[in-house]
Protein backbone atom coordinates (compact mmCIF):
# COMPACT_ATOMS: atom_id res chain seq x y z
CA UNK A 1 84.33 105.38 92.08
CA UNK A 2 87.82 104.04 91.32
CA UNK A 3 90.90 106.25 91.07
CA UNK A 4 91.08 105.55 87.33
CA UNK A 5 87.48 106.65 86.85
CA UNK A 6 88.15 109.80 88.89
CA UNK A 7 91.19 110.67 86.74
CA UNK A 8 89.21 110.04 83.56
CA UNK A 9 86.39 112.28 84.79
CA UNK A 10 88.84 115.03 85.76
CA UNK A 11 90.47 114.74 82.34
CA UNK A 12 87.12 114.99 80.59
CA UNK A 13 86.06 117.92 82.74
CA UNK A 14 89.15 119.96 81.88
CA UNK A 15 89.54 118.61 78.35
CA UNK A 16 92.93 117.28 79.41
CA UNK A 17 94.30 114.48 77.22
CA UNK A 18 94.25 111.09 78.93
CA UNK A 19 97.76 109.65 78.53
CA UNK A 20 98.19 105.88 78.28
CA UNK A 21 101.52 104.09 78.33
CA UNK A 22 101.12 100.80 76.48
CA UNK A 23 103.90 98.20 76.67
CA UNK A 24 104.33 95.37 74.19
CA UNK A 25 104.93 91.77 75.23
CA UNK A 26 107.33 89.24 73.84
CA UNK A 27 109.51 87.98 76.68
CA UNK A 28 112.96 89.50 76.46
CA UNK A 29 111.66 92.25 74.16
CA UNK A 30 110.20 93.85 77.29
CA UNK A 31 113.80 94.84 78.06
CA UNK A 32 113.87 96.87 74.84
CA UNK A 33 110.70 98.73 75.78
CA UNK A 34 112.02 99.35 79.29
CA UNK A 35 115.35 100.60 77.92
CA UNK A 36 113.54 103.02 75.63
CA UNK A 37 111.41 104.14 78.57
CA UNK A 38 114.58 104.79 80.62
CA UNK A 39 116.03 106.89 77.81
CA UNK A 40 112.79 108.84 77.42
CA UNK A 41 112.69 109.49 81.14
CA UNK A 42 116.25 110.90 81.01
CA UNK A 43 115.03 113.40 78.44
CA UNK A 44 111.61 113.98 80.03
CA UNK A 45 112.00 113.53 83.83
CA UNK A 46 108.26 113.97 84.54
CA UNK A 47 107.19 111.39 81.97
CA UNK A 48 105.86 108.78 84.39
CA UNK A 49 104.14 111.41 86.54
CA UNK A 50 102.18 112.56 83.48
CA UNK A 51 100.95 109.06 82.56
CA UNK A 52 97.35 108.40 83.57
CA UNK A 53 97.23 104.68 82.81
CA UNK A 54 99.79 101.93 82.19
CA UNK A 55 98.86 98.80 80.22
CA UNK A 56 100.77 95.90 78.74
CA UNK A 57 100.55 92.42 77.30
CA UNK A 58 102.57 89.38 78.34
CA UNK A 59 105.99 90.52 79.58
CA UNK A 60 104.85 94.11 78.98
CA UNK A 61 102.10 93.52 81.54
CA UNK A 62 104.72 92.48 84.08
CA UNK A 63 106.65 95.69 83.41
CA UNK A 64 103.39 97.69 83.56
CA UNK A 65 102.54 96.11 86.92
CA UNK A 66 105.97 96.99 88.34
CA UNK A 67 105.67 100.58 87.08
CA UNK A 68 102.13 100.92 88.45
CA UNK A 69 103.42 99.63 91.81
CA UNK A 70 105.88 102.52 91.86
CA UNK A 71 109.08 100.88 90.67
CA UNK A 72 111.20 102.97 88.33
CA UNK A 73 112.01 101.77 84.81
CA UNK A 74 115.70 101.73 85.81
CA UNK A 75 115.07 99.40 88.75
CA UNK A 76 112.96 97.07 86.65
CA UNK A 77 115.60 97.08 83.93
CA UNK A 78 118.28 96.02 86.40
CA UNK A 79 116.22 93.36 88.19
CA UNK A 80 114.14 92.33 85.21
CA UNK A 81 117.15 91.65 83.03
CA UNK A 82 118.52 89.13 85.54
CA UNK A 83 115.19 87.32 85.74
CA UNK A 84 114.47 87.44 82.01
CA UNK A 85 117.90 86.02 81.22
CA UNK A 86 117.28 83.09 83.50
CA UNK A 87 113.76 82.24 82.38
CA UNK A 88 113.52 83.35 78.77
CA UNK A 89 116.99 83.28 77.23
CA UNK A 90 117.81 79.71 78.22
CA UNK A 91 115.05 78.08 76.24
CA UNK A 92 112.29 78.78 78.73
CA UNK A 93 113.62 76.58 81.52
CA UNK A 94 111.45 78.35 84.06
CA UNK A 95 107.72 78.83 84.10
CA UNK A 96 105.69 82.01 84.50
CA UNK A 97 104.92 81.39 88.17
CA UNK A 98 108.63 81.03 88.99
CA UNK A 99 109.37 84.16 86.92
CA UNK A 100 106.86 86.26 88.83
CA UNK A 101 108.04 85.00 92.23
CA UNK A 102 111.68 85.66 91.31
CA UNK A 103 110.95 89.13 89.95
CA UNK A 104 109.04 90.12 93.10
CA UNK A 105 111.84 88.82 95.30
CA UNK A 106 114.45 90.76 93.30
CA UNK A 107 112.51 94.00 93.56
């Protein structure tokens, strides 16, 4: 049984709500979602610890992957902004494979 299935079963057993963090895609707009997440975490320090599942689409999936791997929203915001500027703000000069490699190297 996977860890996700175990957490779902525990949640169902104790009638605990299953909390999902869903992140929107849209290239540079992922920075907006990450900024909001940073602000929320300032107000609610245990926010990420209380999330049971993280999901995202497009650039939101990249942020979700970084968060699931244990990176903080603040770290992703710092590193992600550099990478997103290079590959999305300049008319898409880079491709997705280069973006992923660069973002992993920066983290």
